[in-house]
Protein backbone atom coordinates (compact mmCIF):
# COMPACT_ATOMS: atom_id res chain seq x y z
CA MET A 1 24.35 16.91 2.79
CA LEU A 2 20.87 15.17 2.28
CA LYS A 3 22.11 13.05 -0.67
CA ALA A 4 25.68 11.94 1.56
CA LEU A 5 23.33 11.35 4.77
CA ILE A 6 20.51 9.01 2.78
CA ILE A 7 23.28 7.11 1.03
CA THR A 8 25.68 6.70 4.47
CA ILE A 9 21.77 5.23 6.26
CA SER A 10 21.07 3.45 3.06
CA LYS A 11 24.82 1.57 3.91
CA LEU A 12 24.13 1.35 7.62
CA LEU A 13 20.60 -0.05 7.40
CA SER A 14 22.26 -3.20 5.04
CA PHE A 15 24.15 -4.04 7.80
CA LEU A 16 22.59 -3.69 11.08
CA PRO A 17 21.21 -7.05 12.89
CA ALA A 18 17.22 -7.27 12.64
CA SER A 19 17.08 -7.21 16.06
CA ILE A 20 18.86 -4.00 16.98
CA LEU A 21 16.74 -2.28 14.09
CA LEU A 22 13.26 -3.61 15.10
CA THR A 23 14.19 -2.02 18.77
CA GLY A 24 15.00 1.12 17.38
CA CYS A 25 11.65 0.66 14.89
CA TYR A 26 9.84 0.67 18.45
CA PHE A 27 11.66 3.18 20.16
CA LEU A 28 11.56 5.74 17.49
CA ALA A 29 7.59 4.94 17.44
CA ILE A 30 7.37 5.74 21.05
CA LEU A 31 9.16 8.64 20.81
CA PHE A 32 7.58 10.03 17.58
CA LEU A 33 4.16 9.13 19.12
CA MET A 34 5.21 11.17 22.46
CA LEU A 35 6.27 14.41 20.44
CA GLN A 36 3.76 14.55 18.17
CA TRP A 37 0.59 14.69 20.06
CA SER A 38 -1.90 15.18 17.30
CA ARG A 39 -0.82 12.26 15.25
CA PHE A 40 -1.46 10.09 18.59
CA GLY A 41 -4.55 11.04 19.43
CA ILE A 42 -5.53 10.97 15.42
CA VAL A 43 -4.20 7.06 15.90
CA VAL A 44 -6.15 6.60 19.17
CA LYS A 45 -9.14 8.06 17.82
CA ASN A 46 -9.12 5.85 14.77
CA LEU A 47 -8.56 2.74 16.87
CA ARG A 48 -11.08 3.48 19.48
CA CYS A 49 -14.49 4.51 16.64
CA ILE A 50 -13.67 1.01 14.83
CA PHE A 51 -12.62 -1.38 17.76
CA PRO A 52 -14.89 0.06 20.39
CA SER A 53 -14.36 -3.44 22.60
CA PHE A 54 -10.74 -2.79 22.76
CA GLY A 55 -9.59 -1.80 26.15
CA LEU A 56 -6.94 1.33 26.23
CA ILE A 57 -4.00 -0.73 26.46
CA LYS A 58 -4.59 -2.77 23.43
CA ILE A 59 -5.66 0.46 21.73
CA PHE A 60 -2.11 2.20 22.87
CA TRP A 61 0.01 -0.97 22.14
CA THR A 62 -1.64 -1.22 18.51
CA ALA A 63 -0.83 2.47 18.04
CA ILE A 64 2.51 1.83 19.18
CA VAL A 65 2.99 -1.19 17.09
CA SER A 66 1.41 0.05 13.98
CA THR A 67 3.78 3.16 14.22
CA SER A 68 6.62 0.70 14.08
CA ARG A 69 5.54 -1.07 11.61
CA SER A 70 5.69 2.37 9.62
CA ILE A 71 9.12 3.40 10.10
CA GLU A 72 9.84 -0.12 9.33
CA GLN A 73 8.69 0.22 5.90
CA GLY A 74 10.04 4.01 5.82
CA LEU A 75 14.01 1.76 6.72
CA LEU A 76 13.25 -0.74 3.96
CA VAL A 77 12.57 2.12 1.13
CA ILE A 78 16.14 3.80 2.32
CA ALA A 79 17.52 -0.12 2.60
CA TRP A 80 16.12 -1.22 -0.48
CA SER A 81 18.66 -0.73 -3.04
CA ARG A 82 21.23 -2.34 -1.10
CA ILE A 83 19.65 -5.52 -0.49
CA ASN A 84 21.25 -7.98 -2.63
CA LEU A 85 18.49 -10.30 -4.99
CA ASP A 86 18.92 -13.81 -2.91
CA LYS A 87 17.91 -12.36 0.24
CA LEU A 88 15.32 -10.71 -0.99
CA ARG A 89 13.99 -13.89 -2.45
CA GLU A 90 14.34 -15.05 0.88
CA LYS A 91 12.38 -12.49 3.08
CA PHE A 92 9.67 -12.11 0.05
CA THR A 93 8.35 -15.11 -0.63
CA LEU A 94 5.23 -15.64 -3.06
CA SER A 95 3.71 -19.21 -3.37
CA GLU A 96 3.14 -21.05 -5.98
CA ASN A 97 -0.51 -20.92 -6.42
CA HIS A 98 -0.16 -17.06 -5.66
CA HIS A 99 2.42 -17.24 -8.65
CA ALA A 100 0.10 -19.23 -11.08
CA THR A 101 -2.84 -16.10 -10.22
CA LEU A 102 -0.16 -13.43 -11.47
CA SER A 103 1.16 -15.59 -14.35
CA ASN A 104 -2.96 -15.83 -15.62
CA SER A 105 -3.87 -12.04 -14.93
CA LEU A 106 -3.84 -10.93 -17.98
CA SER A 107 -5.23 -14.13 -20.08
CA GLN A 108 -8.70 -11.88 -20.10
CA GLY A 109 -6.77 -9.61 -22.52
CA ASN A 110 -8.54 -6.40 -20.87
CA GLY A 111 -5.20 -5.53 -18.42
CA CYS A 112 -5.49 -6.15 -14.84
CA ILE A 113 -5.52 -3.47 -11.50
CA TRP A 114 -3.98 -4.71 -8.68
CA LEU A 115 -4.99 -2.72 -5.63
CA ILE A 116 -2.78 -2.37 -2.64
CA PRO A 117 -3.66 -1.60 0.55
CA HIS A 118 -1.01 0.27 2.92
CA PHE A 119 0.07 -2.42 4.59
CA CYS A 120 3.63 -2.89 6.01
CA HIS A 121 6.28 -3.32 3.44
CA ALA A 122 4.02 -2.76 0.88
CA ASP A 123 7.31 -1.11 -1.41
CA ALA A 124 8.31 -4.56 -1.40
CA LEU A 125 5.50 -5.72 -4.13
CA SER A 126 8.51 -3.76 -6.37
CA PHE A 127 9.87 -7.56 -6.20
CA LEU A 128 6.93 -8.96 -8.02
CA GLY A 129 8.66 -7.49 -11.53
CA HIS A 130 10.71 -10.20 -10.79
CA PHE A 131 8.74 -13.20 -11.24
CA ILE A 132 6.50 -12.40 -14.09
CA ASP A 133 6.86 -13.39 -17.53
CA ASP A 134 8.64 -9.91 -19.27
CA ASN A 135 5.60 -9.54 -21.55
CA ASN A 136 3.79 -8.66 -18.37
CA GLU A 137 4.80 -4.93 -17.37
CA ILE A 138 3.43 -3.66 -13.96
CA HIS A 139 2.59 -0.06 -14.01
CA THR A 140 2.39 1.98 -10.31
CA LEU A 141 0.66 5.31 -9.86
CA TYR A 142 3.45 7.69 -7.76
CA ARG A 143 2.99 11.26 -6.08
CA PRO A 144 6.40 12.66 -6.19
CA PHE A 145 8.44 14.00 -3.36
CA LYS A 146 9.05 17.86 -3.81
CA ASN A 147 12.87 17.10 -2.99
CA LYS A 148 14.09 16.10 -6.19
CA PHE A 149 17.18 13.78 -4.67
CA ILE A 150 14.56 12.17 -2.89
CA ASN A 151 12.14 11.77 -5.73
CA ASP A 152 14.51 10.10 -7.61
CA PHE A 153 16.30 7.89 -5.06
CA VAL A 154 12.65 6.44 -3.92
CA ARG A 155 11.48 6.34 -7.73
CA ASN A 156 14.51 4.08 -8.63
CA SER A 157 14.37 1.79 -5.99
CA ARG A 158 10.43 1.14 -7.30
CA GLU A 159 12.19 0.62 -10.39
CA ARG A 160 15.04 -1.64 -9.97
CA PHE A 161 12.97 -4.66 -10.85
CA GLY A 162 11.52 -3.35 -14.08
CA VAL A 163 8.17 -1.78 -12.24
CA LYS A 164 7.11 1.51 -14.36
CA THR A 165 6.21 4.40 -12.71
CA ILE A 166 3.43 6.95 -13.54
CA ASN A 167 3.31 10.35 -12.21
CA ARG A 168 0.23 11.55 -11.45
CA LYS A 169 0.81 15.04 -12.05
CA ARG A 170 1.95 14.59 -15.33
CA GLY A 171 -0.99 13.22 -17.79
CA GLY A 172 -1.29 10.29 -15.29
CA MET A 173 -4.89 9.11 -16.53
CA LEU A 174 -4.05 9.25 -19.93
CA LYS A 175 -1.03 7.12 -19.43
CA ILE A 176 -3.31 4.22 -17.24
CA LEU A 177 -5.13 4.47 -20.07
CA LYS A 178 -2.71 3.00 -22.49
CA VAL A 179 -1.17 0.58 -19.96
CA LEU A 180 -4.91 -1.86 -19.80
CA LYS A 181 -5.05 -0.72 -23.59
CA LYS A 182 -2.32 -2.70 -24.00
CA ASN A 183 -2.90 -5.54 -21.96
CA GLN A 184 -0.69 -4.28 -18.98
CA THR A 185 -0.96 -3.76 -15.36
CA ILE A 186 -1.73 -1.10 -13.41
CA ALA A 187 -1.45 -1.00 -9.56
CA MET A 188 -2.45 1.51 -7.06
CA LEU A 189 -2.98 2.34 -3.34
CA PHE A 190 -6.72 2.22 -3.05
CA ASP A 191 -7.01 3.02 1.02
CA GLN A 192 -5.89 6.53 1.22
CA ASN A 193 -7.76 9.45 1.94
CA ALA A 194 -8.90 10.84 -1.31
CA GLY A 195 -9.60 14.59 -0.48
CA GLY A 196 -11.70 17.04 -2.08
CA ALA A 197 -11.44 14.51 -5.53
CA GLY A 198 -13.06 11.78 -4.03
CA THR A 199 -15.85 10.79 -3.23
CA ARG A 200 -17.75 10.41 0.25
CA MET A 201 -18.15 6.42 1.24
CA ASN A 202 -18.71 4.07 4.10
CA PHE A 203 -15.67 2.23 5.13
CA MET A 204 -15.57 0.38 8.60
CA GLY A 205 -18.70 2.53 9.87
CA ARG A 206 -17.27 5.46 9.21
CA GLU A 207 -17.99 7.83 6.06
CA CYS A 208 -14.64 8.79 4.18
CA SER A 209 -13.49 10.34 1.06
CA CYS A 210 -12.41 7.31 -1.21
CA THR A 211 -10.86 6.99 -4.98
CA THR A 212 -13.32 5.93 -7.88
CA LEU A 213 -10.56 5.37 -10.02
CA PRO A 214 -10.74 1.97 -10.43
CA ASP A 215 -14.02 2.01 -11.02
CA ILE A 216 -13.84 4.26 -14.32
CA LEU A 217 -11.07 2.24 -15.58
CA PHE A 218 -13.31 -0.94 -14.16
CA GLN A 219 -16.15 0.38 -16.47
CA LYS A 220 -14.10 1.20 -19.35
CA PHE A 221 -12.31 -1.87 -19.98
CA LYS A 222 -13.28 -4.64 -17.78
CA PRO A 223 -9.76 -5.62 -16.36
CA LYS A 224 -9.10 -8.65 -14.00
CA VAL A 225 -9.02 -7.15 -10.48
CA LEU A 226 -6.11 -8.29 -7.72
CA PHE A 227 -6.04 -7.14 -4.07
CA VAL A 228 -1.62 -7.91 -3.75
CA TYR A 229 -0.71 -6.77 -0.55
CA THR A 230 2.07 -8.27 1.92
CA LYS A 231 1.77 -9.95 5.15
CA ARG A 232 4.35 -9.17 7.64
CA THR A 233 6.30 -12.38 8.95
CA ALA A 234 9.63 -10.88 10.88
CA PHE A 235 11.53 -7.78 10.26
CA TRP A 236 11.94 -6.90 6.52
CA SER A 237 10.38 -10.00 5.87
CA SER A 238 6.90 -10.78 4.30
CA SER A 239 4.49 -13.49 2.70
CA ILE A 240 3.30 -11.38 -1.05
CA GLU A 241 -0.15 -12.12 -1.15
CA ILE A 242 -2.62 -12.15 -4.10
CA GLU A 243 -6.33 -12.59 -4.10
CA GLU A 244 -8.85 -12.22 -7.30
CA MET A 245 -11.82 -10.02 -6.65
CA GLY A 246 -14.31 -12.22 -8.39
CA GLU A 247 -17.63 -11.39 -9.38
CA LEU A 248 -19.20 -7.73 -7.93
CA ASN A 249 -22.83 -8.10 -6.54
CA ASP A 250 -25.04 -6.07 -8.61
CA GLY A 251 -24.79 -2.15 -8.30
CA GLN A 252 -21.89 -2.70 -6.52
CA LEU A 253 -18.39 -0.82 -7.18
CA VAL A 254 -15.18 -1.79 -7.26
CA ILE A 255 -14.01 0.47 -4.39
CA GLU A 256 -16.79 -0.46 -2.37
CA ARG A 257 -15.83 -4.47 -2.63
CA ALA A 258 -12.58 -3.13 -1.88
CA ASN A 259 -13.38 -1.89 1.34
CA ASP A 260 -15.49 -4.30 2.42
CA TRP A 261 -12.37 -6.31 1.70
CA LEU A 262 -10.21 -4.68 3.62
CA GLU A 263 -12.05 -4.11 6.89
CA GLN A 264 -12.94 -7.99 7.19
CA LYS A 265 -8.64 -8.02 6.78
CA LEU A 266 -8.39 -5.59 9.55
CA ARG A 267 -10.97 -7.02 12.08
CA ASP A 268 -10.12 -10.56 11.65
CA ASP A 269 -6.64 -11.03 11.03
CA LYS A 270 -4.08 -9.40 13.86
CA VAL A 271 -1.08 -9.12 11.96
CA LEU A 272 -2.27 -7.05 9.31
CA ARG A 273 -4.33 -5.08 11.48
CA GLU A 274 -1.18 -4.24 13.43
CA SER A 275 0.89 -3.33 10.64
CA TRP A 276 -2.06 -0.77 8.40
CA LEU A 277 -1.16 3.01 8.30
CA TRP A 278 -3.62 4.08 11.27
CA LEU A 279 -1.42 7.09 11.43
CA HIS A 280 -3.11 8.93 8.25
CA GLN A 281 -6.22 11.01 8.67
CA ARG A 282 -8.51 8.33 6.54
CA TRP A 283 -12.03 9.41 7.99
CA ARG A 284 -11.77 13.33 8.02
CA GLN A 285 -15.32 14.47 8.00
CA GLY A 286 -16.76 16.56 5.28
CA VAL A 287 -14.00 15.76 3.13
CA GLY A 288 -15.07 14.63 -0.91
CA GLN A 289 -18.01 14.81 -2.47
CA ILE A 290 -21.57 13.36 -2.18
CA GLN A 291 -22.04 10.56 -4.28
CA LYS A 292 -24.08 10.80 -7.04
CA GLY A 293 -25.13 7.58 -9.11
CA ARG A 294 -22.78 4.77 -9.09
CA ILE A 295 -19.37 6.71 -9.93
CA ARG A 296 -19.13 9.93 -9.66
């Protein structure tokens, strides 16, 4: 039943006009926030704490737009396998400069880490497998879904253009080490709540649990680090952006630099601010381990 439903929705989404789908995303966002009052409270609290100068109308509108972008992202995942290559080339663009940065990312011989934030269309970054040389294998960490069909459906969509997925729960760390040792690329989301295993750090003026996995890998292999993200331009359309991390300041951690980079994006760029995942509980009090030394 579930399999037939998802396949049917996938086919339907690939044919419906973008204007109808966009309107549907806004409608579902408003409905979701009305029914999931606790989630609405999380979004509003997050935005009011980070942007105290914003009025309530601006806060509410940002909450609605951000939620609609999350729904748009989810629909893209479902429809991804049905969108043909020519259409994807048209919708998700990569400039020559960014292509060059990508092509040179393994020149040092130490592998490469892509740090990816939760912006709308983040799953479309798997399309980068279409742009790179066959010698540069991209591996990405993922948290498996409990339902086998959904898990296989999403994983196959992400692997469509050659990206290889690594299950976090099945020897993930050992596989990551092998990836960098072979001078290949590992892609990971860095801005989610890292839970009890994470380390408490500052992000946008508030304490939250952050992953230090990028620092563990950086300390061991000294790979090139890139910020890789999508900047939404229209419904199911984005420019793929790539920025080098550059040299760290004395004593600075990779995750600290990543947090500072993301904070600037969220404060300065309205498009990115409205497409970030404000729904999740990024700033849960008391979660994570107290930082001891530079890397816990």
